[in-house]
C-alpha cells in the first residue's frame, strides 16, 4: 500500500476536534437527562394511569421506536420549516434525540416500575406515605438500583455515539468537525482514525464515571465493559 500518512494536519486542528468531543458529551448528557425525565413520567403513567393516558403513551412509544432516529431528526430539521416551524440544527438534534431516548427509556423504566413488589407499596401506604413520597422513597430507589446498568449502557451506546447523526444536519460535534476539517485537506483516513480513537476514549471515560456513580449513589456494581 503506497500511502503517506500525515497526522500532522490532524494535530494542528486537534483543538477543534476537542471542541467537537465536548459538544458531543454535552448533547448526550442533555438529551439523556430530558429523555430520562420523559421516560420516568411516561413509565409512571403507563403503569398507573387510566387507559386513555396509557393509549397515548403507547402511541408515542410505538411511533418513536419503529421509526429511525435520523428520520425523526430530518422531520424536525427539514419538514417542520415547511409549515413555518424553524429551529437551529442543534435544537433539532437535541429534540430528536430527547424524544427518541424518552420512548426507549419509557420501556426500560416501566420494567423497573413493574419490578417493585406490591408489598413495598402497601408498607408505604401503611406508614401514611403520600403518592409522591412513595415514588421518592420506595419506587425510584428500587428501580434505579435494578435498571441502572441498562440506563448506563443506553447512555453510552445510543446517545454518546448517536449524537454523530448531527453531522448530517451541520452540527459541529465530533463527527461533524472531522468531516469539516478533512474536507479542507482530504486527509480522511488520518482524521477518522483519530476520531475513532477519541470516541473510544470518550465512551471509556463515561463508562468509568457511570460505574463510579452507580456504586456511590445506588450501590450498583456496574461493569465498565
Protein backbone atom coordinates (compact mmCIF):
# COMPACT_ATOMS: atom_id res chain seq x y z
CA UNK A 1 0.00 0.00 0.00
CA UNK A 2 1.55 3.23 -1.17
CA UNK A 3 0.04 5.78 1.21
CA UNK A 4 1.83 8.55 3.06
CA UNK A 5 0.17 9.15 6.44
CA UNK A 6 0.20 12.80 7.50
CA UNK A 7 -1.13 13.03 11.03
CA UNK A 8 0.48 16.45 11.46
CA UNK A 9 -2.53 18.15 9.88
CA UNK A 10 -4.75 16.41 12.43
CA UNK A 11 -2.68 17.56 15.40
CA UNK A 12 -2.72 21.11 14.05
CA UNK A 13 -6.52 21.06 14.24
CA UNK A 14 -6.81 18.89 17.34
CA UNK A 15 -8.30 21.73 19.47
CA UNK A 16 -11.26 21.85 17.07
CA UNK A 17 -11.75 18.10 17.49
CA UNK A 18 -11.67 18.53 21.26
CA UNK A 19 -14.38 21.18 20.97
CA UNK A 20 -16.43 18.72 18.94
CA UNK A 21 -15.91 15.99 21.55
CA UNK A 22 -17.02 18.35 24.33
CA UNK A 23 -20.14 19.30 22.35
CA UNK A 24 -20.84 15.58 21.78
CA UNK A 25 -20.68 14.95 25.51
CA UNK A 26 -22.90 17.95 26.30
CA UNK A 27 -25.52 16.94 23.74
CA UNK A 28 -25.51 13.38 25.04
CA UNK A 29 -25.97 14.47 28.66
CA UNK A 30 -28.76 16.94 27.88
CA UNK A 31 -30.64 14.52 25.62
CA UNK A 32 -30.28 11.70 28.13
CA UNK A 33 -31.46 13.89 31.01
CA UNK A 34 -34.50 15.07 29.07
CA UNK A 35 -35.22 11.57 27.82
CA UNK A 36 -34.96 10.15 31.35
CA UNK A 37 -37.50 12.71 32.60
CA UNK A 38 -39.89 11.88 29.75
CA UNK A 39 -39.33 8.17 30.27
CA UNK A 40 -39.97 8.40 34.02
CA UNK A 41 -43.23 10.30 33.55
CA UNK A 42 -44.44 8.07 30.71
CA UNK A 43 -43.49 4.87 32.54
CA UNK A 44 -45.42 6.00 35.61
CA UNK A 45 -48.45 6.95 33.50
CA UNK A 46 -48.30 3.69 31.58
CA UNK A 47 -48.14 1.71 34.83
CA UNK A 48 -50.62 3.62 37.00
CA UNK A 49 -52.56 5.90 34.63
CA UNK A 50 -56.06 5.48 33.15
CA UNK A 51 -56.50 3.63 29.87
CA UNK A 52 -56.70 6.80 27.76
CA UNK A 53 -53.35 8.03 29.05
CA UNK A 54 -51.82 4.59 28.60
CA UNK A 55 -53.04 4.59 25.00
CA UNK A 56 -51.35 7.95 24.32
CA UNK A 57 -48.10 6.76 25.89
CA UNK A 58 -48.23 3.53 23.89
CA UNK A 59 -48.82 5.50 20.68
CA UNK A 60 -45.79 7.71 21.38
CA UNK A 61 -43.54 4.74 22.20
CA UNK A 62 -44.67 2.69 19.20
CA UNK A 63 -44.19 5.58 16.77
CA UNK A 64 -40.73 6.54 18.03
CA UNK A 65 -39.33 3.03 18.45
CA UNK A 66 -40.49 1.98 14.99
CA UNK A 67 -39.00 4.88 13.05
CA UNK A 68 -35.28 5.66 12.63
CA UNK A 69 -33.85 8.45 14.78
CA UNK A 70 -32.42 10.05 11.64
CA UNK A 71 -35.89 10.28 10.06
CA UNK A 72 -37.22 11.92 13.22
CA UNK A 73 -34.41 14.49 13.18
CA UNK A 74 -34.86 15.12 9.46
CA UNK A 75 -38.59 15.65 10.08
CA UNK A 76 -37.75 18.35 12.62
CA UNK A 77 -34.99 19.98 10.58
CA UNK A 78 -36.31 19.73 7.01
CA UNK A 79 -40.02 19.01 7.43
CA UNK A 80 -41.30 21.46 10.03
CA UNK A 81 -39.83 24.57 8.32
CA UNK A 82 -42.29 23.85 5.51
CA UNK A 83 -45.11 24.80 7.90
CA UNK A 84 -43.26 27.73 9.47
CA UNK A 85 -41.58 25.98 12.42
CA UNK A 86 -37.85 26.50 12.20
CA UNK A 87 -35.24 25.68 14.85
CA UNK A 88 -31.47 25.62 14.84
CA UNK A 89 -29.68 22.44 13.84
CA UNK A 90 -28.53 21.81 17.41
CA UNK A 91 -32.07 22.28 18.73
CA UNK A 92 -33.46 19.81 16.18
CA UNK A 93 -30.78 17.27 17.14
CA UNK A 94 -31.48 17.70 20.84
CA UNK A 95 -35.26 17.49 20.47
CA UNK A 96 -34.99 14.45 18.21
CA UNK A 97 -32.57 12.58 20.47
CA UNK A 98 -34.54 13.51 23.60
CA UNK A 99 -37.85 12.26 22.19
CA UNK A 100 -36.13 9.13 20.90
CA UNK A 101 -34.46 8.47 24.24
CA UNK A 102 -37.71 9.15 26.10
CA UNK A 103 -39.51 6.38 24.21
CA UNK A 104 -36.84 3.75 24.83
CA UNK A 105 -36.35 4.83 28.43
CA UNK A 106 -40.11 4.51 28.96
CA UNK A 107 -39.77 0.80 28.23
CA UNK A 108 -36.70 0.44 30.45
CA UNK A 109 -38.16 2.41 33.35
CA UNK A 110 -41.52 0.67 33.16
CA UNK A 111 -39.73 -2.62 33.68
CA UNK A 112 -38.33 -1.05 36.82
CA UNK A 113 -41.79 0.05 37.96
CA UNK A 114 -43.13 -3.47 37.44
CA UNK A 115 -40.27 -4.89 39.50
CA UNK A 116 -41.45 -3.03 42.61
CA UNK A 117 -43.29 -5.50 44.85
CA UNK A 118 -46.83 -4.57 45.82
CA UNK A 119 -45.97 -5.34 49.46
CA UNK A 120 -43.47 -2.46 49.43
CA UNK A 121 -46.14 -0.07 48.19
CA UNK A 122 -48.60 -1.34 50.79
CA UNK A 123 -45.99 -0.89 53.52
CA UNK A 124 -45.54 2.72 52.45
CA UNK A 125 -49.28 3.28 52.49
CA UNK A 126 -49.46 1.77 55.98
CA UNK A 127 -46.83 4.24 57.14
CA UNK A 128 -49.01 7.07 55.82
CA UNK A 129 -46.83 8.00 52.84
CA UNK A 130 -48.39 10.09 50.12
CA UNK A 131 -48.10 9.03 46.47
CA UNK A 132 -45.20 11.45 45.92
CA UNK A 133 -43.40 10.09 48.98
CA UNK A 134 -43.92 6.53 47.78
CA UNK A 135 -42.40 7.43 44.42
CA UNK A 136 -39.48 9.26 46.02
CA UNK A 137 -38.57 6.87 48.83
CA UNK A 138 -39.74 3.47 47.53
CA UNK A 139 -40.19 3.34 43.78
CA UNK A 140 -37.32 5.49 42.45
CA UNK A 141 -34.58 3.97 44.69
CA UNK A 142 -35.79 0.48 43.79
CA UNK A 143 -35.95 0.97 40.04
CA UNK A 144 -32.73 2.99 39.98
CA UNK A 145 -30.84 0.08 41.50
CA UNK A 146 -32.50 -2.59 39.38
CA UNK A 147 -32.18 -0.93 35.97
CA UNK A 148 -29.13 1.31 36.42
CA UNK A 149 -26.85 -0.92 34.29
CA UNK A 150 -29.36 -0.75 31.42
CA UNK A 151 -29.60 3.03 31.74
CA UNK A 152 -25.82 3.41 31.76
CA UNK A 153 -25.50 1.19 28.70
CA UNK A 154 -28.20 3.17 26.90
CA UNK A 155 -26.33 6.42 27.54
CA UNK A 156 -23.06 5.01 26.24
CA UNK A 157 -24.23 3.08 23.19
CA UNK A 158 -27.13 5.17 21.92
CA UNK A 159 -26.60 8.77 22.97
CA UNK A 160 -22.86 9.36 23.15
CA UNK A 161 -22.37 7.76 19.73
CA UNK A 162 -25.88 8.57 18.49
CA UNK A 163 -25.09 12.28 18.52
CA UNK A 164 -22.93 11.65 15.44
CA UNK A 165 -26.07 11.84 13.27
CA UNK A 166 -25.97 15.57 13.99
CA UNK A 167 -23.18 15.83 11.43
CA UNK A 168 -25.79 15.21 8.72
CA UNK A 169 -27.59 18.45 9.59
CA UNK A 170 -24.49 20.55 10.17
CA UNK A 171 -23.95 20.19 13.92
CA UNK A 172 -20.25 20.61 14.72
CA UNK A 173 -19.99 17.74 17.19
CA UNK A 174 -17.04 15.36 16.93
CA UNK A 175 -18.02 13.67 13.66
CA UNK A 176 -19.15 16.97 12.17
CA UNK A 177 -15.86 18.63 13.00
CA UNK A 178 -13.96 15.72 11.45
CA UNK A 179 -15.97 15.99 8.23
CA UNK A 180 -15.45 19.77 8.02
CA UNK A 181 -11.71 19.59 8.69
CA UNK A 182 -10.99 16.62 6.42
CA UNK A 183 -12.90 18.33 3.59
CA UNK A 184 -10.21 21.03 3.55
CA UNK A 185 -7.13 18.86 3.01
CA UNK A 186 -8.74 15.49 2.17
CA UNK A 187 -6.85 13.59 4.87
CA UNK A 188 -9.94 11.47 5.61
CA UNK A 189 -8.07 8.41 6.82
CA UNK A 190 -5.98 10.32 9.34
CA UNK A 191 -8.87 12.36 10.72
CA UNK A 192 -11.26 9.47 11.16
CA UNK A 193 -8.57 7.23 12.64
CA UNK A 194 -8.02 9.84 15.34
CA UNK A 195 -11.75 10.47 15.77
CA UNK A 196 -12.42 6.75 16.22
CA UNK A 197 -9.82 6.72 18.99
CA UNK A 198 -11.44 9.80 20.57
CA UNK A 199 -14.82 8.06 20.63
CA UNK A 200 -13.24 5.08 22.38
CA UNK A 201 -11.70 7.38 25.00
CA UNK A 202 -14.95 9.31 25.39
CA UNK A 203 -17.03 6.20 25.97
CA UNK A 204 -14.37 4.72 28.28
CA UNK A 205 -14.33 7.85 30.47
CA UNK A 206 -18.13 7.97 30.51
CA UNK A 207 -18.26 4.27 31.45
CA UNK A 208 -15.91 4.81 34.39
CA UNK A 209 -17.90 7.83 35.54
CA UNK A 210 -21.22 5.98 35.34
CA UNK A 211 -19.79 2.94 37.12
CA UNK A 212 -18.50 5.09 39.97
CA UNK A 213 -21.80 6.99 40.15
CA UNK A 214 -23.74 3.74 40.31
CA UNK A 215 -21.59 2.38 43.13
CA UNK A 216 -21.79 5.62 45.10
CA UNK A 217 -25.45 6.54 44.59
CA UNK A 218 -27.20 3.20 44.16
CA UNK A 219 -24.64 0.63 45.35
CA UNK A 220 -24.70 -0.98 41.93
CA UNK A 221 -21.54 -2.85 40.97
CA UNK A 222 -21.76 -1.94 37.32
CA UNK A 223 -19.16 -3.33 34.93
CA UNK A 224 -17.14 -0.82 32.97
CA UNK A 225 -17.20 -3.01 29.85
